[in-house]
Every structure is written in structure tokens, then in C-alpha cells.
């Protein structure tokens, strides 16, 4: 029979490690959800002014941005996003903000297709 205090200490350290990982994971999820909400809010505001389509994307640094297709092309040249065509852009988008119904339908179809895979 081993030392009971050693077993208890090992159990406490393992439990604390698991608890800490879960806590940090929850913080990261909440932070990312807030970033997405703020990006959508910015995109809605900009869309109401200029009527353009805004794509909500996660960039190479980990930030979440609301960008138009021209801005995505610019930042792709700067290596912030991988090179992608229109359908890949719709796949990578977390959300879109647009007043164009056909673009919204295309986005919904692509996301629905990705969910079934």
C-alpha cells in the first residue's frame, strides 16, 4: 500500500490541472464569441452606410475581422489570409452581413453543405 498523502496530493494536482484547463478554455470561447459579435456589429453598421457585403473571418493572428472582398484580396496579398476563391471565402467565413439575398442564399447553402459533411 502506497503513501496515502502522496496519492491525495497527486489527485489534487491532477484535478487542479483539469479545472484550470477547463476554465481557460471557457475564457477563450467567451472572448472569441465577443469578438465575433463585435465584428458583426461593425459589419452591420458599415453595411447600412455603403451596402457592401462584409465577410467575418478569422485571420492569421487569431483576430476576427469584418472585411469586404477587396479588403480580403489586399490582406491575402499581405499573407494574412490564404489564397482562396469565392466559394472557399464563403466556406471560411464565420458569418456574412449583406443586403443581397442571392449572396446570403449562397452562403447558407455552403454552410449547410459543410454541416452535413
N, C-alpha and C. Protein backbone atom coordinates (compact mmCIF):
# COMPACT_ATOMS: atom_id res chain seq x y z
N UNK A 1 0.84 -1.18 0.00
CA UNK A 1 0.00 0.00 0.00
C UNK A 1 0.89 1.24 0.00
N UNK A 2 0.60 2.14 -0.92
CA UNK A 2 1.40 3.34 -1.06
C UNK A 2 1.06 4.37 0.00
N UNK A 3 1.80 5.43 -0.04
CA UNK A 3 1.57 6.51 0.89
C UNK A 3 0.28 7.24 0.51
N UNK A 4 -0.67 7.32 1.43
CA UNK A 4 -1.97 7.91 1.13
C UNK A 4 -1.87 9.40 0.88
N UNK A 5 -0.96 10.09 1.57
CA UNK A 5 -0.80 11.52 1.36
C UNK A 5 -0.25 11.83 -0.02
N UNK A 6 0.64 10.99 -0.47
CA UNK A 6 1.20 11.14 -1.82
C UNK A 6 0.10 10.94 -2.87
N UNK A 7 -0.75 9.95 -2.65
CA UNK A 7 -1.86 9.70 -3.58
C UNK A 7 -2.85 10.87 -3.59
N UNK A 8 -3.15 11.40 -2.41
CA UNK A 8 -4.07 12.53 -2.33
C UNK A 8 -3.47 13.74 -3.04
N UNK A 9 -2.19 14.02 -2.80
CA UNK A 9 -1.54 15.16 -3.43
C UNK A 9 -1.54 15.03 -4.96
N UNK A 10 -1.27 13.83 -5.45
CA UNK A 10 -1.29 13.59 -6.89
C UNK A 10 -2.68 13.84 -7.45
N UNK A 11 -3.68 13.37 -6.76
CA UNK A 11 -5.07 13.56 -7.21
C UNK A 11 -5.45 15.04 -7.23
N UNK A 12 -5.05 15.79 -6.21
CA UNK A 12 -5.36 17.23 -6.13
C UNK A 12 -4.68 17.97 -7.29
N UNK A 13 -3.43 17.66 -7.57
CA UNK A 13 -2.73 18.35 -8.65
C UNK A 13 -3.35 18.03 -10.01
N UNK A 14 -3.73 16.79 -10.21
CA UNK A 14 -4.36 16.41 -11.49
C UNK A 14 -5.72 17.10 -11.63
N UNK A 15 -6.51 17.12 -10.57
CA UNK A 15 -7.82 17.77 -10.62
C UNK A 15 -7.68 19.27 -10.87
N UNK A 16 -6.70 19.91 -10.21
CA UNK A 16 -6.49 21.33 -10.42
C UNK A 16 -6.07 21.61 -11.85
N UNK A 17 -5.22 20.78 -12.40
CA UNK A 17 -4.78 20.96 -13.79
C UNK A 17 -5.97 20.87 -14.74
N UNK A 18 -6.83 19.89 -14.55
CA UNK A 18 -8.02 19.74 -15.39
C UNK A 18 -8.97 20.92 -15.22
N UNK A 19 -9.16 21.36 -13.98
CA UNK A 19 -10.03 22.50 -13.70
C UNK A 19 -9.50 23.76 -14.39
N UNK A 20 -8.19 23.97 -14.30
CA UNK A 20 -7.58 25.16 -14.91
C UNK A 20 -7.71 25.14 -16.43
N UNK A 21 -7.52 23.98 -17.04
CA UNK A 21 -7.67 23.87 -18.49
C UNK A 21 -9.11 24.18 -18.92
N UNK A 22 -10.07 23.68 -18.17
CA UNK A 22 -11.48 23.94 -18.48
C UNK A 22 -11.81 25.42 -18.31
N UNK A 23 -11.27 26.04 -17.28
CA UNK A 23 -11.51 27.46 -17.03
C UNK A 23 -10.93 28.32 -18.14
N UNK A 24 -9.70 28.06 -18.54
CA UNK A 24 -9.06 28.82 -19.62
C UNK A 24 -9.78 28.59 -20.94
N UNK A 25 -10.21 27.36 -21.19
CA UNK A 25 -10.97 27.08 -22.41
C UNK A 25 -12.27 27.86 -22.46
N UNK A 26 -12.95 27.97 -21.34
CA UNK A 26 -14.18 28.77 -21.26
C UNK A 26 -13.92 30.24 -21.52
N UNK A 27 -12.82 30.76 -20.94
CA UNK A 27 -12.46 32.16 -21.19
C UNK A 27 -12.21 32.40 -22.67
N UNK A 28 -11.48 31.49 -23.31
CA UNK A 28 -11.17 31.64 -24.73
C UNK A 28 -12.44 31.61 -25.58
N UNK A 29 -13.37 30.73 -25.26
CA UNK A 29 -14.63 30.67 -26.01
C UNK A 29 -15.44 31.95 -25.86
N UNK A 30 -15.53 32.47 -24.64
CA UNK A 30 -16.27 33.71 -24.42
C UNK A 30 -15.61 34.89 -25.13
N UNK A 31 -14.27 34.94 -25.09
CA UNK A 31 -13.55 36.03 -25.76
C UNK A 31 -13.79 35.98 -27.27
N UNK A 32 -13.73 34.79 -27.85
CA UNK A 32 -13.95 34.65 -29.28
C UNK A 32 -15.40 34.99 -29.65
N UNK A 33 -16.35 34.60 -28.83
CA UNK A 33 -17.76 34.93 -29.09
C UNK A 33 -17.96 36.45 -29.06
N UNK A 34 -17.32 37.13 -28.12
CA UNK A 34 -17.42 38.59 -28.07
C UNK A 34 -16.79 39.23 -29.30
N UNK A 35 -15.66 38.69 -29.76
CA UNK A 35 -15.02 39.23 -30.95
C UNK A 35 -15.92 39.07 -32.17
N UNK A 36 -16.57 37.93 -32.28
CA UNK A 36 -17.48 37.69 -33.41
C UNK A 36 -18.66 38.66 -33.34
N UNK A 37 -19.25 38.83 -32.16
CA UNK A 37 -20.39 39.74 -32.01
C UNK A 37 -20.00 41.17 -32.38
N UNK A 38 -18.82 41.61 -31.94
CA UNK A 38 -18.38 42.97 -32.26
C UNK A 38 -18.10 43.13 -33.74
N UNK A 39 -17.53 42.11 -34.38
CA UNK A 39 -17.27 42.18 -35.82
C UNK A 39 -18.58 42.24 -36.60
N UNK A 40 -19.58 41.47 -36.19
CA UNK A 40 -20.88 41.50 -36.87
C UNK A 40 -21.53 42.87 -36.67
N UNK A 41 -21.41 43.43 -35.50
CA UNK A 41 -21.99 44.74 -35.23
C UNK A 41 -21.32 45.81 -36.11
N UNK A 42 -19.98 45.76 -36.22
CA UNK A 42 -19.27 46.70 -37.10
C UNK A 42 -19.71 46.52 -38.55
N UNK A 43 -19.84 45.27 -38.98
CA UNK A 43 -20.24 44.98 -40.36
C UNK A 43 -21.64 45.49 -40.64
N UNK A 44 -22.56 45.33 -39.72
CA UNK A 44 -23.93 45.82 -39.92
C UNK A 44 -23.94 47.34 -40.05
N UNK A 45 -23.16 48.00 -39.21
CA UNK A 45 -23.09 49.45 -39.27
C UNK A 45 -22.53 49.91 -40.62
N UNK A 46 -21.43 49.31 -41.05
CA UNK A 46 -20.82 49.68 -42.33
C UNK A 46 -21.74 49.33 -43.50
N UNK A 47 -22.42 48.18 -43.41
CA UNK A 47 -23.32 47.76 -44.49
C UNK A 47 -24.48 48.73 -44.62
N UNK A 48 -24.96 49.25 -43.52
CA UNK A 48 -26.07 50.20 -43.59
C UNK A 48 -25.63 51.50 -44.28
N UNK A 49 -24.33 51.82 -44.18
CA UNK A 49 -23.84 53.03 -44.82
C UNK A 49 -23.54 52.84 -46.30
N UNK A 50 -22.85 51.74 -46.66
CA UNK A 50 -22.41 51.59 -48.05
C UNK A 50 -23.06 50.43 -48.80
N UNK A 51 -23.78 49.55 -48.13
CA UNK A 51 -24.50 48.47 -48.81
C UNK A 51 -23.62 47.35 -49.34
N UNK A 52 -22.37 47.28 -48.94
CA UNK A 52 -21.47 46.24 -49.43
C UNK A 52 -21.59 44.98 -48.57
N UNK A 53 -21.07 43.88 -49.10
CA UNK A 53 -21.08 42.61 -48.38
C UNK A 53 -19.83 42.53 -47.52
N UNK A 54 -20.00 42.18 -46.25
CA UNK A 54 -18.89 42.04 -45.32
C UNK A 54 -18.80 40.59 -44.87
N UNK A 55 -17.58 40.07 -44.91
CA UNK A 55 -17.29 38.70 -44.52
C UNK A 55 -16.60 38.74 -43.16
N UNK A 56 -17.09 37.96 -42.23
CA UNK A 56 -16.48 37.86 -40.90
C UNK A 56 -15.51 36.69 -40.96
N UNK A 57 -14.20 37.00 -40.84
CA UNK A 57 -13.14 35.99 -41.00
C UNK A 57 -12.17 36.04 -39.84
N UNK A 58 -11.58 34.89 -39.55
CA UNK A 58 -10.51 34.80 -38.56
C UNK A 58 -9.19 34.86 -39.32
N UNK A 59 -8.33 35.82 -38.96
CA UNK A 59 -7.09 35.99 -39.69
C UNK A 59 -5.95 35.18 -39.08
N UNK A 60 -4.78 35.30 -39.66
CA UNK A 60 -3.62 34.50 -39.24
C UNK A 60 -3.17 34.83 -37.82
N UNK A 61 -3.45 36.04 -37.35
CA UNK A 61 -3.05 36.43 -35.99
C UNK A 61 -4.02 35.93 -34.94
N UNK A 62 -5.21 35.48 -35.38
CA UNK A 62 -6.21 35.00 -34.45
C UNK A 62 -7.33 35.99 -34.21
N UNK A 63 -7.21 37.18 -34.79
CA UNK A 63 -8.26 38.19 -34.65
C UNK A 63 -9.40 37.91 -35.60
N UNK A 64 -10.56 38.45 -35.28
CA UNK A 64 -11.74 38.26 -36.12
C UNK A 64 -12.09 39.62 -36.71
N UNK A 65 -12.18 39.67 -38.04
CA UNK A 65 -12.37 40.93 -38.74
C UNK A 65 -13.60 40.88 -39.63
N UNK A 66 -14.16 42.07 -39.89
CA UNK A 66 -15.26 42.23 -40.85
C UNK A 66 -14.68 42.94 -42.06
N UNK A 67 -14.57 42.22 -43.18
CA UNK A 67 -13.88 42.75 -44.35
C UNK A 67 -14.73 42.59 -45.60
N UNK A 68 -14.55 43.51 -46.56
CA UNK A 68 -15.16 43.39 -47.87
C UNK A 68 -14.27 42.49 -48.72
N UNK A 69 -14.73 42.13 -49.90
CA UNK A 69 -13.94 41.26 -50.78
C UNK A 69 -12.65 41.95 -51.22
N UNK A 70 -12.70 43.26 -51.45
CA UNK A 70 -11.49 43.99 -51.82
C UNK A 70 -10.46 43.97 -50.68
N UNK A 71 -10.92 44.14 -49.46
CA UNK A 71 -10.02 44.10 -48.32
C UNK A 71 -9.45 42.69 -48.12
N UNK A 72 -10.26 41.67 -48.38
CA UNK A 72 -9.77 40.29 -48.27
C UNK A 72 -8.68 40.05 -49.30
N UNK A 73 -8.87 40.55 -50.52
CA UNK A 73 -7.83 40.40 -51.55
C UNK A 73 -6.55 41.11 -51.14
N UNK A 74 -6.66 42.31 -50.58
CA UNK A 74 -5.49 43.05 -50.14
C UNK A 74 -4.74 42.29 -49.05
N UNK A 75 -5.47 41.82 -48.04
CA UNK A 75 -4.82 41.13 -46.93
C UNK A 75 -4.34 39.73 -47.33
N UNK A 76 -4.93 39.16 -48.37
CA UNK A 76 -4.41 37.89 -48.89
C UNK A 76 -3.03 38.13 -49.51
N UNK A 77 -2.87 39.24 -50.20
CA UNK A 77 -1.56 39.58 -50.76
C UNK A 77 -0.54 39.86 -49.67
N UNK A 78 -1.02 40.31 -48.51
CA UNK A 78 -0.13 40.57 -47.37
C UNK A 78 0.07 39.33 -46.49
N UNK A 79 -0.46 38.19 -46.93
CA UNK A 79 -0.32 36.89 -46.26
C UNK A 79 -1.08 36.77 -44.93
N UNK A 80 -2.13 37.57 -44.77
CA UNK A 80 -2.96 37.43 -43.57
C UNK A 80 -4.02 36.35 -43.73
N UNK A 81 -4.37 36.06 -44.98
CA UNK A 81 -5.33 35.02 -45.30
C UNK A 81 -4.74 34.13 -46.38
N UNK A 82 -5.13 32.86 -46.42
CA UNK A 82 -4.66 32.01 -47.52
C UNK A 82 -5.35 32.41 -48.82
N UNK A 83 -4.72 32.09 -49.92
CA UNK A 83 -5.33 32.39 -51.22
C UNK A 83 -6.55 31.50 -51.40
N UNK A 84 -7.70 32.12 -51.76
CA UNK A 84 -8.93 31.35 -51.89
C UNK A 84 -9.84 31.98 -52.92
N UNK A 85 -10.68 31.14 -53.53
CA UNK A 85 -11.66 31.63 -54.48
C UNK A 85 -12.94 32.00 -53.72
N UNK A 86 -13.98 32.37 -54.47
CA UNK A 86 -15.21 32.86 -53.85
C UNK A 86 -15.88 31.81 -52.97
N UNK A 87 -15.96 30.57 -53.45
CA UNK A 87 -16.62 29.52 -52.67
C UNK A 87 -15.81 29.20 -51.41
N UNK A 88 -14.50 29.22 -51.50
CA UNK A 88 -13.67 28.99 -50.32
C UNK A 88 -13.82 30.14 -49.33
N UNK A 89 -13.99 31.35 -49.85
CA UNK A 89 -14.23 32.51 -48.98
C UNK A 89 -15.53 32.32 -48.20
N UNK A 90 -16.56 31.82 -48.87
CA UNK A 90 -17.82 31.57 -48.18
C UNK A 90 -17.67 30.45 -47.15
N UNK A 91 -16.86 29.44 -47.47
CA UNK A 91 -16.63 28.34 -46.52
C UNK A 91 -15.89 28.82 -45.28
N UNK A 92 -14.89 29.67 -45.46
CA UNK A 92 -14.06 30.13 -44.35
C UNK A 92 -14.74 31.19 -43.50
N UNK A 93 -15.76 31.84 -44.05
CA UNK A 93 -16.43 32.92 -43.32
C UNK A 93 -17.19 32.37 -42.13
N UNK A 94 -17.06 33.05 -41.01
CA UNK A 94 -17.82 32.70 -39.82
C UNK A 94 -19.25 33.16 -40.00
N UNK A 95 -19.41 34.35 -40.59
CA UNK A 95 -20.73 34.92 -40.88
C UNK A 95 -20.55 35.93 -42.00
N UNK A 96 -21.66 36.34 -42.59
CA UNK A 96 -21.63 37.43 -43.56
C UNK A 96 -22.73 38.41 -43.23
N UNK A 97 -22.50 39.66 -43.63
CA UNK A 97 -23.51 40.70 -43.49
C UNK A 97 -23.68 41.29 -44.87
N UNK A 98 -24.88 41.14 -45.43
CA UNK A 98 -25.14 41.63 -46.76
C UNK A 98 -26.61 41.99 -46.90
N UNK A 99 -26.87 42.86 -47.85
CA UNK A 99 -28.26 43.18 -48.17
C UNK A 99 -28.69 42.45 -49.44
N UNK A 100 -27.79 41.69 -50.05
CA UNK A 100 -28.07 40.95 -51.28
C UNK A 100 -28.57 39.55 -50.91
N UNK A 101 -29.79 39.25 -51.29
CA UNK A 101 -30.41 37.98 -50.92
C UNK A 101 -29.73 36.78 -51.57
N UNK A 102 -29.26 36.92 -52.82
CA UNK A 102 -28.64 35.78 -53.50
C UNK A 102 -27.31 35.40 -52.84
N UNK A 103 -26.54 36.37 -52.40
CA UNK A 103 -25.28 36.07 -51.70
C UNK A 103 -25.59 35.38 -50.38
N UNK A 104 -26.61 35.85 -49.69
CA UNK A 104 -27.00 35.22 -48.41
C UNK A 104 -27.41 33.77 -48.63
N UNK A 105 -28.15 33.50 -49.71
CA UNK A 105 -28.57 32.13 -50.02
C UNK A 105 -27.36 31.25 -50.35
N UNK A 106 -26.41 31.79 -51.13
CA UNK A 106 -25.19 31.03 -51.44
C UNK A 106 -24.43 30.68 -50.17
N UNK A 107 -24.31 31.64 -49.29
CA UNK A 107 -23.61 31.41 -48.02
C UNK A 107 -24.33 30.33 -47.20
N UNK A 108 -25.65 30.42 -47.12
CA UNK A 108 -26.41 29.43 -46.36
C UNK A 108 -26.25 28.03 -46.95
N UNK A 109 -26.25 27.92 -48.28
CA UNK A 109 -26.08 26.62 -48.93
C UNK A 109 -24.70 26.04 -48.65
N UNK A 110 -23.67 26.87 -48.72
CA UNK A 110 -22.30 26.39 -48.46
C UNK A 110 -22.17 25.94 -47.01
N UNK A 111 -22.71 26.71 -46.07
CA UNK A 111 -22.62 26.34 -44.66
C UNK A 111 -23.42 25.08 -44.36
N UNK A 112 -24.57 24.94 -44.98
CA UNK A 112 -25.38 23.74 -44.80
C UNK A 112 -24.65 22.51 -45.36
N UNK A 113 -24.00 22.67 -46.50
CA UNK A 113 -23.22 21.59 -47.09
C UNK A 113 -22.07 21.18 -46.17
N UNK A 114 -21.42 22.16 -45.55
CA UNK A 114 -20.30 21.87 -44.63
C UNK A 114 -20.78 21.16 -43.37
N UNK A 115 -21.99 21.50 -42.90
CA UNK A 115 -22.51 20.85 -41.70
C UNK A 115 -22.83 19.38 -41.95
N UNK A 116 -23.26 19.04 -43.15
CA UNK A 116 -23.62 17.67 -43.42
C UNK A 116 -22.40 16.78 -43.63
N UNK A 117 -21.24 17.38 -43.94
CA UNK A 117 -20.04 16.57 -44.13
C UNK A 117 -19.43 16.13 -42.86
